[in-house]
Amino acid sequence: MTEVQKLASFVNARKYSDLSEAAVRELKIRLLDSLGCAIGALKGEPVKMVKEQLDDFGENPLATLIGGKKNAPDRAAFYNSTLVRYLDFNDSYLAKNETCHPSDNIGSVLAAAEYADKNGKEFLTALAIAYQVQCRLSDVAPVRDKGYDHTVQGAYGAAAGAAYALALEQGEKLVGENKVQELKQKSTAIESFHPEVLLSDIYRQTKSKKSSNGPRA
């Protein structure tokens, strides 16, 4: 089994009952915190520019934009992720050799979950998966010392969370196999799903320092 197949299997097997009460509580706190960051960013000039682009090139109104209106899910993910990230106050996870901002995943997971008509429990499960994948990869497969930004792990987290929200079959989750292989046999650390362990440390800092990961799932 390849690394990406192991990751897909991990995502495919998850369910809401895997989450402890503590994990659910921490996810809700981070969601509320991120929504606060997003609302505070609504009048930011770069945010306005993104919104103007969406208005010019808007498509099917299938996913909600924070602050009002709807747009295509991928564009809603982009816009909402911009809002969460712009003020640079969203959450941080400090791994030993890496820092990431796992709430960067919220825009992608939220858009996918709304598009797929998922309920709150399904959304929180998808978000937990995104957090777990990004943070665990940051722990065991740091990339910054190799010249890459920490958003590399965020791409896997966003894709994993969105894949769960969209209820993709396991074979459909097998994307980017070559890139995952570069993480060099690190998936065993992902296979133990205990998000409460990670989530207790997510909010060690309130100010972020680097650019967000690409929000499209």
N, C-alpha and C. Protein backbone atom coordinates (compact mmCIF):
# COMPACT_ATOMS: atom_id res chain seq x y z
N MET A 1 0.85 -1.19 0.00
CA MET A 1 0.00 0.00 0.00
C MET A 1 0.88 1.24 0.00
N THR A 2 0.60 2.18 -0.90
CA THR A 2 1.40 3.39 -0.97
C THR A 2 1.04 4.34 0.17
N GLU A 3 1.86 5.38 0.33
CA GLU A 3 1.59 6.35 1.38
C GLU A 3 0.25 7.05 1.17
N VAL A 4 -0.04 7.43 -0.06
CA VAL A 4 -1.30 8.12 -0.31
C VAL A 4 -2.49 7.17 -0.10
N GLN A 5 -2.32 5.90 -0.37
CA GLN A 5 -3.39 4.94 -0.10
C GLN A 5 -3.63 4.80 1.41
N LYS A 6 -2.56 4.83 2.18
CA LYS A 6 -2.70 4.77 3.64
C LYS A 6 -3.43 6.02 4.15
N LEU A 7 -3.08 7.17 3.57
CA LEU A 7 -3.75 8.40 3.97
C LEU A 7 -5.23 8.36 3.60
N ALA A 8 -5.54 7.89 2.40
CA ALA A 8 -6.93 7.78 1.97
C ALA A 8 -7.69 6.81 2.86
N SER A 9 -7.05 5.72 3.23
CA SER A 9 -7.69 4.74 4.11
C SER A 9 -7.99 5.34 5.48
N PHE A 10 -7.05 6.12 5.98
CA PHE A 10 -7.25 6.81 7.26
C PHE A 10 -8.46 7.73 7.19
N VAL A 11 -8.53 8.53 6.14
CA VAL A 11 -9.64 9.47 5.99
C VAL A 11 -10.95 8.72 5.85
N ASN A 12 -10.95 7.67 5.06
CA ASN A 12 -12.17 6.94 4.74
C ASN A 12 -12.78 6.27 5.97
N ALA A 13 -11.94 5.92 6.95
CA ALA A 13 -12.41 5.16 8.10
C ALA A 13 -12.91 6.04 9.25
N ARG A 14 -12.77 7.33 9.14
CA ARG A 14 -13.10 8.20 10.26
C ARG A 14 -14.60 8.39 10.40
N LYS A 15 -15.01 8.66 11.65
CA LYS A 15 -16.41 8.95 11.95
C LYS A 15 -16.48 9.87 13.17
N TYR A 16 -17.62 10.48 13.35
CA TYR A 16 -17.77 11.47 14.43
C TYR A 16 -17.49 10.87 15.79
N SER A 17 -17.85 9.63 15.98
CA SER A 17 -17.65 8.99 17.29
C SER A 17 -16.17 8.83 17.65
N ASP A 18 -15.28 9.02 16.69
CA ASP A 18 -13.84 8.99 16.99
C ASP A 18 -13.42 10.19 17.83
N LEU A 19 -14.21 11.25 17.78
CA LEU A 19 -13.84 12.50 18.45
C LEU A 19 -14.28 12.48 19.91
N SER A 20 -13.38 12.83 20.78
CA SER A 20 -13.72 12.97 22.19
C SER A 20 -14.50 14.27 22.40
N GLU A 21 -15.13 14.40 23.57
CA GLU A 21 -15.82 15.64 23.88
C GLU A 21 -14.85 16.81 23.88
N ALA A 22 -13.64 16.57 24.37
CA ALA A 22 -12.63 17.63 24.41
C ALA A 22 -12.26 18.07 22.99
N ALA A 23 -12.12 17.12 22.09
CA ALA A 23 -11.77 17.45 20.71
C ALA A 23 -12.87 18.28 20.05
N VAL A 24 -14.12 17.88 20.25
CA VAL A 24 -15.25 18.62 19.68
C VAL A 24 -15.28 20.04 20.22
N ARG A 25 -15.09 20.17 21.52
CA ARG A 25 -15.08 21.50 22.13
C ARG A 25 -13.97 22.38 21.53
N GLU A 26 -12.78 21.81 21.41
CA GLU A 26 -11.66 22.59 20.87
C GLU A 26 -11.88 22.96 19.40
N LEU A 27 -12.47 22.06 18.63
CA LEU A 27 -12.78 22.38 17.24
C LEU A 27 -13.76 23.55 17.16
N LYS A 28 -14.77 23.54 18.01
CA LYS A 28 -15.76 24.62 18.00
C LYS A 28 -15.12 25.95 18.39
N ILE A 29 -14.21 25.92 19.36
CA ILE A 29 -13.51 27.13 19.77
C ILE A 29 -12.71 27.70 18.61
N ARG A 30 -12.00 26.83 17.91
CA ARG A 30 -11.19 27.29 16.78
C ARG A 30 -12.04 27.79 15.62
N LEU A 31 -13.18 27.17 15.43
CA LEU A 31 -14.09 27.63 14.40
C LEU A 31 -14.62 29.02 14.73
N LEU A 32 -15.05 29.23 15.96
CA LEU A 32 -15.54 30.54 16.37
C LEU A 32 -14.45 31.60 16.29
N ASP A 33 -13.26 31.25 16.72
CA ASP A 33 -12.13 32.17 16.64
C ASP A 33 -11.86 32.56 15.19
N SER A 34 -11.89 31.59 14.30
CA SER A 34 -11.62 31.84 12.88
C SER A 34 -12.72 32.69 12.25
N LEU A 35 -13.95 32.45 12.63
CA LEU A 35 -15.04 33.29 12.12
C LEU A 35 -14.89 34.73 12.60
N GLY A 36 -14.41 34.91 13.84
CA GLY A 36 -14.14 36.25 14.33
C GLY A 36 -13.06 36.93 13.51
N CYS A 37 -12.00 36.18 13.19
CA CYS A 37 -10.93 36.73 12.33
C CYS A 37 -11.49 37.11 10.97
N ALA A 38 -12.36 36.26 10.44
CA ALA A 38 -12.93 36.50 9.11
C ALA A 38 -13.80 37.74 9.09
N ILE A 39 -14.65 37.88 10.08
CA ILE A 39 -15.53 39.05 10.14
C ILE A 39 -14.71 40.33 10.29
N GLY A 40 -13.66 40.25 11.09
CA GLY A 40 -12.81 41.41 11.28
C GLY A 40 -12.05 41.81 10.04
N ALA A 41 -11.91 40.89 9.10
CA ALA A 41 -11.14 41.15 7.88
C ALA A 41 -12.00 41.61 6.70
N LEU A 42 -13.30 41.72 6.87
CA LEU A 42 -14.19 41.98 5.75
C LEU A 42 -13.88 43.28 5.01
N LYS A 43 -13.33 44.26 5.70
CA LYS A 43 -13.06 45.55 5.06
C LYS A 43 -11.61 45.70 4.61
N GLY A 44 -10.83 44.63 4.71
CA GLY A 44 -9.44 44.69 4.26
C GLY A 44 -9.35 44.90 2.76
N GLU A 45 -8.39 45.70 2.32
CA GLU A 45 -8.27 46.01 0.90
C GLU A 45 -8.01 44.77 0.04
N PRO A 46 -7.09 43.87 0.43
CA PRO A 46 -6.91 42.65 -0.38
C PRO A 46 -8.16 41.79 -0.43
N VAL A 47 -8.89 41.77 0.68
CA VAL A 47 -10.14 41.01 0.72
C VAL A 47 -11.14 41.59 -0.27
N LYS A 48 -11.22 42.92 -0.32
CA LYS A 48 -12.13 43.57 -1.27
C LYS A 48 -11.75 43.23 -2.71
N MET A 49 -10.45 43.15 -2.97
CA MET A 49 -9.99 42.82 -4.32
C MET A 49 -10.39 41.40 -4.71
N VAL A 50 -10.25 40.47 -3.75
CA VAL A 50 -10.67 39.09 -4.01
C VAL A 50 -12.17 39.04 -4.28
N LYS A 51 -12.92 39.79 -3.46
CA LYS A 51 -14.38 39.81 -3.62
C LYS A 51 -14.77 40.38 -4.98
N GLU A 52 -14.08 41.42 -5.43
CA GLU A 52 -14.36 41.99 -6.75
C GLU A 52 -14.10 40.98 -7.86
N GLN A 53 -13.04 40.21 -7.68
CA GLN A 53 -12.75 39.17 -8.67
C GLN A 53 -13.86 38.14 -8.71
N LEU A 54 -14.33 37.73 -7.54
CA LEU A 54 -15.42 36.75 -7.48
C LEU A 54 -16.69 37.30 -8.11
N ASP A 55 -16.95 38.58 -7.88
CA ASP A 55 -18.14 39.19 -8.48
C ASP A 55 -18.03 39.23 -10.00
N ASP A 56 -16.81 39.46 -10.49
CA ASP A 56 -16.60 39.53 -11.94
C ASP A 56 -16.69 38.15 -12.60
N PHE A 57 -16.16 37.14 -11.92
CA PHE A 57 -16.06 35.82 -12.52
C PHE A 57 -16.92 34.79 -11.79
N GLY A 58 -17.93 35.26 -11.08
CA GLY A 58 -18.75 34.38 -10.25
C GLY A 58 -19.40 33.26 -11.04
N GLU A 59 -19.65 32.17 -10.34
CA GLU A 59 -20.30 31.02 -10.96
C GLU A 59 -21.48 30.57 -10.11
N ASN A 60 -21.79 29.28 -10.17
CA ASN A 60 -22.97 28.77 -9.48
C ASN A 60 -22.94 29.10 -7.98
N PRO A 61 -23.98 29.73 -7.47
CA PRO A 61 -24.02 30.11 -6.06
C PRO A 61 -24.36 28.92 -5.15
N LEU A 62 -23.39 28.08 -4.95
CA LEU A 62 -23.61 26.83 -4.21
C LEU A 62 -23.00 26.83 -2.82
N ALA A 63 -22.18 27.81 -2.50
CA ALA A 63 -21.53 27.85 -1.19
C ALA A 63 -21.50 29.29 -0.69
N THR A 64 -21.66 29.45 0.61
CA THR A 64 -21.82 30.76 1.23
C THR A 64 -20.48 31.48 1.40
N LEU A 65 -20.49 32.76 1.10
CA LEU A 65 -19.35 33.63 1.40
C LEU A 65 -19.59 34.27 2.76
N ILE A 66 -18.61 34.23 3.63
CA ILE A 66 -18.75 34.87 4.94
C ILE A 66 -18.98 36.36 4.71
N GLY A 67 -20.05 36.88 5.31
CA GLY A 67 -20.40 38.28 5.11
C GLY A 67 -21.55 38.47 4.13
N GLY A 68 -21.95 37.40 3.44
CA GLY A 68 -23.09 37.49 2.55
C GLY A 68 -22.80 37.05 1.13
N LYS A 69 -23.84 36.61 0.45
CA LYS A 69 -23.84 36.12 -0.93
C LYS A 69 -23.27 34.70 -1.01
N LYS A 70 -23.36 34.15 -2.22
CA LYS A 70 -22.85 32.80 -2.48
C LYS A 70 -22.05 32.80 -3.77
N ASN A 71 -21.27 31.73 -3.95
CA ASN A 71 -20.49 31.59 -5.17
C ASN A 71 -20.17 30.11 -5.33
N ALA A 72 -19.40 29.78 -6.36
CA ALA A 72 -18.99 28.39 -6.56
C ALA A 72 -18.16 27.93 -5.37
N PRO A 73 -18.22 26.65 -5.03
CA PRO A 73 -17.53 26.16 -3.83
C PRO A 73 -16.03 26.46 -3.79
N ASP A 74 -15.33 26.29 -4.93
CA ASP A 74 -13.89 26.56 -4.89
C ASP A 74 -13.60 28.03 -4.65
N ARG A 75 -14.44 28.90 -5.17
CA ARG A 75 -14.23 30.33 -4.97
C ARG A 75 -14.66 30.77 -3.58
N ALA A 76 -15.68 30.14 -3.05
CA ALA A 76 -16.05 30.40 -1.66
C ALA A 76 -14.93 29.96 -0.72
N ALA A 77 -14.32 28.83 -1.04
CA ALA A 77 -13.18 28.35 -0.23
C ALA A 77 -12.04 29.36 -0.26
N PHE A 78 -11.74 29.89 -1.45
CA PHE A 78 -10.68 30.87 -1.61
C PHE A 78 -10.98 32.14 -0.82
N TYR A 79 -12.18 32.66 -0.99
CA TYR A 79 -12.55 33.91 -0.33
C TYR A 79 -12.59 33.75 1.19
N ASN A 80 -13.26 32.72 1.67
CA ASN A 80 -13.38 32.52 3.12
C ASN A 80 -12.02 32.25 3.76
N SER A 81 -11.16 31.55 3.06
CA SER A 81 -9.81 31.31 3.58
C SER A 81 -9.02 32.61 3.65
N THR A 82 -9.22 33.48 2.66
CA THR A 82 -8.58 34.79 2.68
C THR A 82 -9.03 35.58 3.90
N LEU A 83 -10.30 35.54 4.19
CA LEU A 83 -10.83 36.25 5.35
C LEU A 83 -10.24 35.73 6.66
N VAL A 84 -10.19 34.42 6.81
CA VAL A 84 -9.66 33.83 8.04
C VAL A 84 -8.20 34.21 8.23
N ARG A 85 -7.46 34.27 7.14
CA ARG A 85 -6.00 34.42 7.21
C ARG A 85 -5.52 35.87 7.23
N TYR A 86 -6.31 36.80 6.68
CA TYR A 86 -5.79 38.13 6.38
C TYR A 86 -5.26 38.89 7.60
N LEU A 87 -5.97 38.90 8.70
CA LEU A 87 -5.54 39.66 9.87
C LEU A 87 -4.33 39.04 10.58
N ASP A 88 -4.01 37.80 10.23
CA ASP A 88 -2.84 37.13 10.81
C ASP A 88 -3.01 36.86 12.29
N PHE A 89 -4.24 36.68 12.73
CA PHE A 89 -4.53 36.36 14.12
C PHE A 89 -5.09 34.94 14.29
N ASN A 90 -5.12 34.16 13.23
CA ASN A 90 -5.69 32.82 13.36
C ASN A 90 -4.72 31.87 14.05
N ASP A 91 -5.18 30.69 14.36
CA ASP A 91 -4.45 29.79 15.24
C ASP A 91 -3.12 29.33 14.64
N SER A 92 -2.23 28.88 15.52
CA SER A 92 -0.94 28.33 15.13
C SER A 92 -0.71 27.01 15.83
N TYR A 93 -0.03 26.12 15.16
CA TYR A 93 0.42 24.87 15.77
C TYR A 93 1.93 24.83 15.67
N LEU A 94 2.60 24.71 16.81
CA LEU A 94 4.05 24.74 16.85
C LEU A 94 4.59 23.33 16.98
N ALA A 95 4.92 22.75 15.85
CA ALA A 95 5.61 21.46 15.86
C ALA A 95 7.08 21.70 16.20
N LYS A 96 7.84 20.65 16.38
CA LYS A 96 9.22 20.79 16.81
C LYS A 96 10.05 21.59 15.82
N ASN A 97 9.88 21.34 14.54
CA ASN A 97 10.67 22.02 13.52
C ASN A 97 9.81 22.75 12.49
N GLU A 98 8.57 23.05 12.87
CA GLU A 98 7.66 23.62 11.88
C GLU A 98 6.56 24.40 12.60
N THR A 99 6.00 25.36 11.93
CA THR A 99 4.82 26.06 12.42
C THR A 99 3.78 26.03 11.31
N CYS A 100 2.55 25.75 11.67
CA CYS A 100 1.48 25.80 10.67
C CYS A 100 0.26 26.48 11.27
N HIS A 101 -0.67 26.80 10.41
CA HIS A 101 -1.90 27.49 10.81
C HIS A 101 -3.09 26.65 10.34
N PRO A 102 -3.50 25.68 11.15
CA PRO A 102 -4.48 24.69 10.68
C PRO A 102 -5.86 25.25 10.38
N SER A 103 -6.19 26.43 10.92
CA SER A 103 -7.49 27.00 10.55
C SER A 103 -7.52 27.46 9.10
N ASP A 104 -6.37 27.46 8.43
CA ASP A 104 -6.36 27.70 6.99
C ASP A 104 -7.22 26.68 6.25
N ASN A 105 -7.48 25.53 6.88
CA ASN A 105 -8.29 24.49 6.26
C ASN A 105 -9.80 24.78 6.30
N ILE A 106 -10.22 25.69 7.14
CA ILE A 106 -11.65 25.87 7.38
C ILE A 106 -12.39 26.28 6.12
N GLY A 107 -11.83 27.18 5.33
CA GLY A 107 -12.52 27.62 4.12
C GLY A 107 -12.83 26.49 3.17
N SER A 108 -11.85 25.63 2.95
CA SER A 108 -12.05 24.50 2.04
C SER A 108 -13.06 23.50 2.59
N VAL A 109 -12.91 23.16 3.86
CA VAL A 109 -13.80 22.16 4.45
C VAL A 109 -15.23 22.68 4.54
N LEU A 110 -15.37 23.94 4.89
CA LEU A 110 -16.71 24.53 5.00
C LEU A 110 -17.42 24.55 3.65
N ALA A 111 -16.72 24.95 2.61
CA ALA A 111 -17.32 24.99 1.27
C ALA A 111 -17.71 23.59 0.80
N ALA A 112 -16.83 22.62 1.02
CA ALA A 112 -17.12 21.25 0.60
C ALA A 112 -18.30 20.68 1.36
N ALA A 113 -18.34 20.94 2.67
CA ALA A 113 -19.43 20.41 3.49
C ALA A 113 -20.77 21.03 3.12
N GLU A 114 -20.78 22.33 2.85
CA GLU A 114 -22.04 22.97 2.45
C GLU A 114 -22.49 22.45 1.09
N TYR A 115 -21.56 22.34 0.16
CA TYR A 115 -21.90 21.84 -1.17
C TYR A 115 -22.50 20.43 -1.11
N ALA A 116 -21.93 19.60 -0.21
CA ALA A 116 -22.39 18.22 -0.10
C ALA A 116 -23.55 18.06 0.89
N ASP A 117 -24.04 19.18 1.41
CA ASP A 117 -25.19 19.18 2.32
C ASP A 117 -24.93 18.34 3.57
N LYS A 118 -23.76 18.49 4.16
CA LYS A 118 -23.41 17.74 5.36
C LYS A 118 -23.95 18.45 6.60
N ASN A 119 -24.14 17.67 7.67
CA ASN A 119 -24.61 18.26 8.91
C ASN A 119 -23.41 18.69 9.77
N GLY A 120 -23.71 19.25 10.93
CA GLY A 120 -22.66 19.79 11.78
C GLY A 120 -21.65 18.75 12.24
N LYS A 121 -22.12 17.57 12.58
CA LYS A 121 -21.20 16.52 13.03
C LYS A 121 -20.27 16.08 11.91
N GLU A 122 -20.81 15.97 10.71
CA GLU A 122 -19.98 15.58 9.57
C GLU A 122 -18.95 16.66 9.25
N PHE A 123 -19.37 17.91 9.36
CA PHE A 123 -18.44 19.01 9.13
C PHE A 123 -17.31 18.99 10.16
N LEU A 124 -17.64 18.81 11.43
CA LEU A 124 -16.60 18.79 12.46
C LEU A 124 -15.65 17.61 12.29
N THR A 125 -16.18 16.49 11.83
CA THR A 125 -15.31 15.34 11.57
C THR A 125 -14.34 15.65 10.44
N ALA A 126 -14.85 16.25 9.38
CA ALA A 126 -13.99 16.63 8.25
C ALA A 126 -12.94 17.64 8.69
N LEU A 127 -13.33 18.58 9.53
CA LEU A 127 -12.39 19.59 10.01
C LEU A 127 -11.33 18.96 10.91
N ALA A 128 -11.75 18.01 11.75
CA ALA A 128 -10.79 17.30 12.60
C ALA A 128 -9.76 16.55 11.76
N ILE A 129 -10.23 15.94 10.68
CA ILE A 129 -9.31 15.22 9.78
C ILE A 129 -8.28 16.20 9.19
N ALA A 130 -8.75 17.35 8.73
CA ALA A 130 -7.84 18.34 8.15
C ALA A 130 -6.81 18.80 9.17
N TYR A 131 -7.26 19.09 10.38
CA TYR A 131 -6.35 19.49 11.46
C TYR A 131 -5.34 18.39 11.75
N GLN A 132 -5.86 17.17 11.89
CA GLN A 132 -4.99 16.05 12.26
C GLN A 132 -3.91 15.81 11.21
N VAL A 133 -4.31 15.80 9.95
CA VAL A 133 -3.36 15.51 8.88
C VAL A 133 -2.29 16.60 8.81
N GLN A 134 -2.71 17.86 8.80
CA GLN A 134 -1.72 18.93 8.68
C GLN A 134 -0.78 18.98 9.89
N CYS A 135 -1.35 18.90 11.08
CA CYS A 135 -0.52 19.01 12.28
C CYS A 135 0.40 17.81 12.45
N ARG A 136 -0.12 16.63 12.14
CA ARG A 136 0.71 15.43 12.31
C ARG A 136 1.84 15.42 11.28
N LEU A 137 1.55 15.82 10.06
CA LEU A 137 2.61 15.90 9.07
C LEU A 137 3.64 16.96 9.45
N SER A 138 3.18 18.03 10.07
CA SER A 138 4.13 19.04 10.54
C SER A 138 5.04 18.47 11.62
N ASP A 139 4.50 17.58 12.45
CA ASP A 139 5.29 16.92 13.49
C ASP A 139 6.35 16.00 12.90
N VAL A 140 5.92 15.16 11.97
CA VAL A 140 6.79 14.05 11.55
C VAL A 140 7.47 14.26 10.21
N ALA A 141 7.01 15.25 9.43
CA ALA A 141 7.59 15.47 8.11
C ALA A 141 7.75 16.95 7.83
N PRO A 142 8.55 17.64 8.64
CA PRO A 142 8.76 19.07 8.40
C PRO A 142 9.49 19.31 7.07
N VAL A 143 9.16 20.40 6.41
CA VAL A 143 9.73 20.66 5.10
C VAL A 143 10.47 21.99 5.02
N ARG A 144 10.34 22.81 6.03
CA ARG A 144 10.94 24.15 5.96
C ARG A 144 12.45 24.10 5.79
N ASP A 145 13.11 23.15 6.46
CA ASP A 145 14.56 23.07 6.35
C ASP A 145 15.01 22.55 4.99
N LYS A 146 14.05 22.12 4.17
CA LYS A 146 14.34 21.69 2.80
C LYS A 146 14.01 22.79 1.79
N GLY A 147 13.64 23.96 2.30
CA GLY A 147 13.38 25.08 1.42
C GLY A 147 11.93 25.26 1.01
N TYR A 148 11.02 24.50 1.64
CA TYR A 148 9.60 24.62 1.31
C TYR A 148 8.85 25.30 2.45
N ASP A 149 7.72 25.88 2.13
CA ASP A 149 6.90 26.50 3.16
C ASP A 149 6.03 25.45 3.85
N HIS A 150 5.64 25.76 5.07
CA HIS A 150 4.82 24.83 5.84
C HIS A 150 3.44 24.60 5.24
N THR A 151 3.07 25.40 4.26
CA THR A 151 1.77 25.21 3.63
C THR A 151 1.71 23.91 2.82
N VAL A 152 2.86 23.26 2.61
CA VAL A 152 2.87 21.95 1.95
C VAL A 152 1.95 20.99 2.70
N GLN A 153 2.11 20.91 4.01
CA GLN A 153 1.27 20.00 4.80
C GLN A 153 -0.19 20.44 4.78
N GLY A 154 -0.40 21.75 4.69
CA GLY A 154 -1.76 22.24 4.64
C GLY A 154 -2.51 21.79 3.41
N ALA A 155 -1.81 21.62 2.31
CA ALA A 155 -2.47 21.15 1.10
C ALA A 155 -3.04 19.75 1.30
N TYR A 156 -2.30 18.90 2.02
CA TYR A 156 -2.79 17.55 2.31
C TYR A 156 -3.96 17.59 3.29
N GLY A 157 -3.86 18.47 4.29
CA GLY A 157 -4.94 18.59 5.25
C GLY A 157 -6.23 19.05 4.62
N ALA A 158 -6.16 20.09 3.79
CA ALA A 158 -7.35 20.61 3.13
C ALA A 158 -7.97 19.57 2.20
N ALA A 159 -7.12 18.87 1.45
CA ALA A 159 -7.62 17.85 0.53
C ALA A 159 -8.27 16.70 1.29
N ALA A 160 -7.65 16.30 2.40
CA ALA A 160 -8.21 15.19 3.20
C ALA A 160 -9.56 15.57 3.80
N GLY A 161 -9.65 16.77 4.38
CA GLY A 161 -10.90 17.21 4.98
C GLY A 161 -12.00 17.39 3.95
N ALA A 162 -11.66 17.99 2.81
CA ALA A 162 -12.66 18.18 1.75
C ALA A 162 -13.11 16.85 1.17
N ALA A 163 -12.17 15.91 1.02
CA ALA A 163 -12.53 14.59 0.48
C ALA A 163 -13.53 13.89 1.39
N TYR A 164 -13.32 14.01 2.69
CA TYR A 164 -14.27 13.40 3.63
C TYR A 164 -15.63 14.10 3.53
N ALA A 165 -15.62 15.43 3.50
CA ALA A 165 -16.87 16.17 3.42
C ALA A 165 -17.65 15.85 2.15
N LEU A 166 -16.93 15.62 1.07
CA LEU A 166 -17.58 15.30 -0.20
C LEU A 166 -17.94 13.83 -0.33
N ALA A 167 -17.61 13.04 0.69
CA ALA A 167 -17.91 11.61 0.71
C ALA A 167 -17.34 10.90 -0.50
N LEU A 168 -16.11 11.25 -0.87
CA LEU A 168 -15.46 10.57 -1.99
C LEU A 168 -15.13 9.13 -1.62
N GLU A 169 -15.22 8.27 -2.60
CA GLU A 169 -14.79 6.89 -2.39
C GLU A 169 -13.28 6.87 -2.23
N GLN A 170 -12.77 5.82 -1.59
CA GLN A 170 -11.35 5.79 -1.29
C GLN A 170 -10.48 5.93 -2.54
N GLY A 171 -10.88 5.31 -3.62
CA GLY A 171 -10.10 5.42 -4.85
C GLY A 171 -10.04 6.83 -5.37
N GLU A 172 -11.11 7.61 -5.11
CA GLU A 172 -11.13 9.00 -5.55
C GLU A 172 -10.24 9.90 -4.70
N LYS A 173 -9.85 9.40 -3.52
CA LYS A 173 -9.00 10.19 -2.65
C LYS A 173 -7.52 10.05 -2.99
N LEU A 174 -7.21 9.14 -3.89
CA LEU A 174 -5.80 8.85 -4.19
C LEU A 174 -5.24 9.88 -5.17
N VAL A 175 -4.97 11.06 -4.65
CA VAL A 175 -4.50 12.18 -5.46
C VAL A 175 -3.10 12.57 -5.00
N GLY A 176 -2.23 12.88 -5.95
CA GLY A 176 -0.90 13.36 -5.60
C GLY A 176 0.00 12.30 -5.00
N GLU A 177 -0.06 11.08 -5.53
CA GLU A 177 0.70 10.00 -4.93
C GLU A 177 2.21 10.29 -4.91
N ASN A 178 2.73 10.84 -5.96
CA ASN A 178 4.17 11.10 -6.00
C ASN A 178 4.59 12.08 -4.92
N LYS A 179 3.78 13.10 -4.68
CA LYS A 179 4.11 14.08 -3.64
C LYS A 179 4.08 13.44 -2.26
N VAL A 180 3.09 12.59 -2.03
CA VAL A 180 3.00 11.94 -0.73
C VAL A 180 4.18 11.01 -0.50
N GLN A 181 4.63 10.35 -1.56
CA GLN A 181 5.79 9.48 -1.43
C GLN A 181 7.01 10.24 -0.93
N GLU A 182 7.08 11.52 -1.26
CA GLU A 182 8.22 12.32 -0.82
C GLU A 182 8.23 12.51 0.69
N LEU A 183 7.11 12.25 1.33
CA LEU A 183 7.08 12.39 2.79
C LEU A 183 7.75 11.21 3.49
N LYS A 184 8.19 10.22 2.71
CA LYS A 184 9.09 9.15 3.16
C LYS A 184 8.58 8.36 4.37
N GLN A 185 7.56 7.60 4.12
CA GLN A 185 7.13 6.59 5.08
C GLN A 185 6.68 7.18 6.41
N LYS A 186 6.04 8.35 6.38
CA LYS A 186 5.63 8.99 7.62
C LYS A 186 4.17 8.72 7.99
N SER A 187 3.46 7.99 7.16
CA SER A 187 2.02 7.86 7.38
C SER A 187 1.67 7.07 8.63
N THR A 188 2.58 6.26 9.13
CA THR A 188 2.26 5.48 10.33
C THR A 188 1.93 6.39 11.50
N ALA A 189 2.50 7.57 11.52
CA ALA A 189 2.21 8.51 12.59
C ALA A 189 0.82 9.09 12.47
N ILE A 190 0.25 9.06 11.25
CA ILE A 190 -1.09 9.60 11.03
C ILE A 190 -2.16 8.61 11.44
N GLU A 191 -1.82 7.33 11.41
CA GLU A 191 -2.85 6.30 11.52
C GLU A 191 -3.48 6.23 12.91
N SER A 192 -2.84 6.80 13.93
CA SER A 192 -3.43 6.86 15.26
C SER A 192 -4.20 8.16 15.38
N PHE A 193 -5.52 8.07 15.43
CA PHE A 193 -6.37 9.25 15.35
C PHE A 193 -6.76 9.70 16.74
N HIS A 194 -6.01 10.64 17.29
CA HIS A 194 -6.29 11.17 18.61
C HIS A 194 -6.21 12.70 18.55
N PRO A 195 -7.19 13.34 17.89
CA PRO A 195 -7.10 14.77 17.67
C PRO A 195 -7.07 15.59 18.94
N GLU A 196 -7.62 15.07 20.04
CA GLU A 196 -7.61 15.86 21.26
C GLU A 196 -6.18 16.13 21.74
N VAL A 197 -5.26 15.24 21.43
CA VAL A 197 -3.87 15.44 21.83
C VAL A 197 -3.29 16.64 21.11
N LEU A 198 -3.59 16.74 19.81
CA LEU A 198 -3.08 17.86 19.03
C LEU A 198 -3.83 19.14 19.32
N LEU A 199 -5.13 19.04 19.44
CA LEU A 199 -5.94 20.24 19.57
C LEU A 199 -5.67 21.00 20.86
N SER A 200 -5.19 20.30 21.88
CA SER A 200 -4.88 20.98 23.13
C SER A 200 -3.74 21.97 22.97
N ASP A 201 -2.94 21.79 21.92
CA ASP A 201 -1.79 22.66 21.70
C ASP A 201 -1.94 23.59 20.52
N ILE A 202 -3.08 23.54 19.82
CA ILE A 202 -3.22 24.29 18.58
C ILE A 202 -3.08 25.80 18.82
N TYR A 203 -3.66 26.29 19.91
CA TYR A 203 -3.72 27.73 20.08
C TYR A 203 -2.60 28.24 20.98
N ARG A 204 -1.37 27.90 20.66
CA ARG A 204 -0.25 28.39 21.46
C ARG A 204 0.10 29.83 21.10
N GLN A 205 -0.23 30.25 19.91
CA GLN A 205 0.01 31.62 19.49
C GLN A 205 -1.24 32.18 18.87
N THR A 206 -1.43 33.49 18.98
CA THR A 206 -2.58 34.13 18.34
C THR A 206 -2.17 34.87 17.08
N LYS A 207 -0.89 35.02 16.85
CA LYS A 207 -0.46 35.76 15.66
C LYS A 207 0.33 34.86 14.74
N SER A 208 -0.10 34.77 13.51
CA SER A 208 0.57 33.94 12.52
C SER A 208 1.65 34.74 11.82
N LYS A 209 2.52 34.04 11.07
CA LYS A 209 3.68 34.71 10.49
C LYS A 209 3.84 34.50 9.00
N LYS A 210 3.25 33.47 8.45
CA LYS A 210 3.52 33.14 7.04
C LYS A 210 2.23 33.11 6.23
N SER A 211 2.37 32.97 4.98
CA SER A 211 1.22 32.93 4.09
C SER A 211 0.45 31.63 4.27
N SER A 212 -0.83 31.67 3.93
CA SER A 212 -1.69 30.50 4.11
C SER A 212 -1.50 29.50 2.99
N ASN A 213 -1.97 28.28 3.25
CA ASN A 213 -1.97 27.29 2.18
C ASN A 213 -3.05 27.59 1.17
N GLY A 214 -2.89 27.07 -0.03
CA GLY A 214 -3.93 27.23 -1.04
C GLY A 214 -5.21 26.61 -0.55
N PRO A 215 -6.30 27.36 -0.47
CA PRO A 215 -7.52 26.87 0.15
C PRO A 215 -8.34 25.95 -0.71
N ARG A 216 -8.03 25.83 -1.99
CA ARG A 216 -8.89 24.99 -2.83
C ARG A 216 -8.65 23.53 -2.53
N ALA A 217 -9.72 22.78 -2.37
CA ALA A 217 -9.60 21.36 -2.04
C ALA A 217 -9.72 20.53 -3.28
